[in-house]
C-alpha atoms as a PDB file:
ATOM      1  CA  UNK A   1      -1.309  -1.631  15.100  1.00  0.00           C
ATOM      2  CA  UNK A   2      -1.121   1.415  12.901  1.00  0.00           C
ATOM      3  CA  UNK A   3      -3.939   1.599  10.526  1.00  0.00           C
ATOM      4  CA  UNK A   4      -3.717   3.491   7.158  1.00  0.00           C
ATOM      5  CA  UNK A   5      -6.714   3.867   5.136  1.00  0.00           C
ATOM      6  CA  UNK A   6      -7.225   4.395   1.833  1.00  0.00           C
ATOM      7  CA  UNK A   7     -10.290   5.768   0.385  1.00  0.00           C
ATOM      8  CA  UNK A   8     -11.616   4.616  -3.039  1.00  0.00           C
ATOM      9  CA  UNK A   9     -14.074   7.403  -3.283  1.00  0.00           C
ATOM     10  CA  UNK A  10     -10.309   9.986  -3.357  1.00  0.00           C
ATOM     11  CA  UNK A  11      -8.600   7.326  -5.766  1.00  0.00           C
ATOM     12  CA  UNK A  12      -8.717   8.603  -9.544  1.00  0.00           C
ATOM     13  CA  UNK A  13      -4.919   7.578 -10.301  1.00  0.00           C
ATOM     14  CA  UNK A  14      -1.729   6.180  -9.241  1.00  0.00           C
ATOM     15  CA  UNK A  15      -0.725   9.610  -7.943  1.00  0.00           C
ATOM     16  CA  UNK A  16      -3.700   9.452  -5.442  1.00  0.00           C
ATOM     17  CA  UNK A  17      -2.794   6.596  -3.988  1.00  0.00           C
ATOM     18  CA  UNK A  18       0.918   6.841  -4.053  1.00  0.00           C
ATOM     19  CA  UNK A  19       0.201  10.528  -1.789  1.00  0.00           C
ATOM     20  CA  UNK A  20      -2.051   8.766   0.464  1.00  0.00           C
ATOM     21  CA  UNK A  21       0.007   6.232   1.130  1.00  0.00           C
ATOM     22  CA  UNK A  22       3.305   8.844   1.740  1.00  0.00           C
ATOM     23  CA  UNK A  23       1.277  10.918   3.973  1.00  0.00           C
ATOM     24  CA  UNK A  24      -0.031   8.407   6.186  1.00  0.00           C
ATOM     25  CA  UNK A  25       3.325   6.347   6.065  1.00  0.00           C
ATOM     26  CA  UNK A  26       5.310   9.415   6.466  1.00  0.00           C
ATOM     27  CA  UNK A  27       7.592   8.541   3.313  1.00  0.00           C
ATOM     28  CA  UNK A  28       9.235  12.132   3.165  1.00  0.00           C
ATOM     29  CA  UNK A  29       9.942  14.186   0.572  1.00  0.00           C
ATOM     30  CA  UNK A  30      11.992  11.962  -1.583  1.00  0.00           C
ATOM     31  CA  UNK A  31       9.510   9.303  -1.904  1.00  0.00           C
ATOM     32  CA  UNK A  32       9.367   8.250  -5.363  1.00  0.00           C
ATOM     33  CA  UNK A  33       6.174   7.852  -5.911  1.00  0.00           C
ATOM     34  CA  UNK A  34       5.794   4.960  -8.266  1.00  0.00           C
ATOM     35  CA  UNK A  35       5.784   1.364  -7.793  1.00  0.00           C
ATOM     36  CA  UNK A  36       9.386   0.506  -7.426  1.00  0.00           C
ATOM     37  CA  UNK A  37       9.254   2.957  -4.689  1.00  0.00           C
ATOM     38  CA  UNK A  38       6.701   1.636  -2.637  1.00  0.00           C
ATOM     39  CA  UNK A  39       8.157  -1.871  -2.576  1.00  0.00           C
ATOM     40  CA  UNK A  40      11.372  -0.895  -1.212  1.00  0.00           C
ATOM     41  CA  UNK A  41       9.679   1.369   1.189  1.00  0.00           C
ATOM     42  CA  UNK A  42       7.098  -1.506   1.894  1.00  0.00           C
ATOM     43  CA  UNK A  43       9.891  -4.353   2.199  1.00  0.00           C
ATOM     44  CA  UNK A  44      12.532  -2.209   4.086  1.00  0.00           C
ATOM     45  CA  UNK A  45      11.532   0.467   6.219  1.00  0.00           C
ATOM     46  CA  UNK A  46       8.257   1.216   7.083  1.00  0.00           C
ATOM     47  CA  UNK A  47       7.857   0.198  10.695  1.00  0.00           C
ATOM     48  CA  UNK A  48       5.589  -2.893  11.776  1.00  0.00           C
ATOM     49  CA  UNK A  49       3.161  -3.539  12.505  1.00  0.00           C
ATOM     50  CA  UNK A  50       1.208  -1.631  10.053  1.00  0.00           C
ATOM     51  CA  UNK A  51      -1.909  -2.510   8.417  1.00  0.00           C
ATOM     52  CA  UNK A  52      -3.681  -0.795   4.966  1.00  0.00           C
ATOM     53  CA  UNK A  53      -7.765  -0.953   4.315  1.00  0.00           C
ATOM     54  CA  UNK A  54      -8.116   0.023   0.991  1.00  0.00           C
ATOM     55  CA  UNK A  55     -12.130   1.106   1.460  1.00  0.00           C
ATOM     56  CA  UNK A  56     -13.894   1.319  -1.746  1.00  0.00           C
ATOM     57  CA  UNK A  57     -11.084  -1.175  -3.317  1.00  0.00           C
ATOM     58  CA  UNK A  58     -13.808  -2.226  -6.268  1.00  0.00           C
ATOM     59  CA  UNK A  59     -14.036   1.411  -7.403  1.00  0.00           C
ATOM     60  CA  UNK A  60     -10.468   2.048  -7.171  1.00  0.00           C
ATOM     61  CA  UNK A  61     -10.106  -1.039  -9.298  1.00  0.00           C
ATOM     62  CA  UNK A  62     -12.424   0.404 -12.148  1.00  0.00           C
ATOM     63  CA  UNK A  63     -10.592   4.238 -11.967  1.00  0.00           C
ATOM     64  CA  UNK A  64      -7.132   2.453 -12.142  1.00  0.00           C
ATOM     65  CA  UNK A  65      -7.492  -0.174 -14.494  1.00  0.00           C
ATOM     66  CA  UNK A  66      -7.262  -3.829 -13.882  1.00  0.00           C
ATOM     67  CA  UNK A  67      -3.458  -4.180 -14.414  1.00  0.00           C
ATOM     68  CA  UNK A  68      -2.192  -1.232 -12.253  1.00  0.00           C
ATOM     69  CA  UNK A  69      -4.547  -1.737  -9.785  1.00  0.00           C
ATOM     70  CA  UNK A  70      -3.672  -5.268  -9.619  1.00  0.00           C
ATOM     71  CA  UNK A  71       0.142  -4.395  -9.634  1.00  0.00           C
ATOM     72  CA  UNK A  72      -0.687  -2.290  -6.640  1.00  0.00           C
ATOM     73  CA  UNK A  73      -2.386  -5.070  -4.680  1.00  0.00           C
ATOM     74  CA  UNK A  74       0.794  -7.243  -5.734  1.00  0.00           C
ATOM     75  CA  UNK A  75       3.190  -4.929  -3.784  1.00  0.00           C
ATOM     76  CA  UNK A  76       1.403  -5.339  -0.642  1.00  0.00           C
ATOM     77  CA  UNK A  77       0.891  -8.986  -1.006  1.00  0.00           C
ATOM     78  CA  UNK A  78       5.046  -9.379  -1.722  1.00  0.00           C
ATOM     79  CA  UNK A  79       5.346  -7.360   1.536  1.00  0.00           C
ATOM     80  CA  UNK A  80       3.107  -9.168   3.500  1.00  0.00           C
ATOM     81  CA  UNK A  81       4.114 -12.866   2.315  1.00  0.00           C
ATOM     82  CA  UNK A  82       7.999 -11.504   2.642  1.00  0.00           C
ATOM     83  CA  UNK A  83       6.964 -10.773   7.012  1.00  0.00           C
ATOM     84  CA  UNK A  84       5.279 -14.131   7.188  1.00  0.00           C
ATOM     85  CA  UNK A  85       8.162 -15.689   5.420  1.00  0.00           C
ATOM     86  CA  UNK A  86      10.835 -14.142   8.088  1.00  0.00           C
ATOM     87  CA  UNK A  87       8.601 -15.245  11.234  1.00  0.00           C
ATOM     88  CA  UNK A  88       7.518 -11.775  11.896  1.00  0.00           C
ATOM     89  CA  UNK A  89       4.807 -11.319  14.925  1.00  0.00           C
ATOM     90  CA  UNK A  90       4.503  -7.379  14.291  1.00  0.00           C
ATOM     91  CA  UNK A  91       4.048  -7.628  10.287  1.00  0.00           C
ATOM     92  CA  UNK A  92       2.349  -5.721   7.772  1.00  0.00           C
ATOM     93  CA  UNK A  93      -1.070  -6.817   6.490  1.00  0.00           C
ATOM     94  CA  UNK A  94      -3.581  -5.244   4.438  1.00  0.00           C
ATOM     95  CA  UNK A  95      -7.459  -5.860   2.893  1.00  0.00           C
ATOM     96  CA  UNK A  96      -9.238  -4.489   0.124  1.00  0.00           C
ATOM     97  CA  UNK A  97     -12.732  -3.700   0.847  1.00  0.00           C
END
């Protein structure tokens, strides 16, 4: 399983989240770097299995603010739920630490 690590120490803005995910998940130069683009990529064409581990997520929540942090996590939750609903053995997973 591919594991992607978001380091909360390095997350100061939404741009930092998108940059880290785009680099590690190889989204390419045309990635839109917004929540809609993240949703599209995670739900449609990110190879499975993959797990995102967000280290220092509490710190990121403080820096990003609750609404934005919750919106990012909601995208992760949607991708994870979609894979469960489809009954896929190889799925998207995430963990907040």
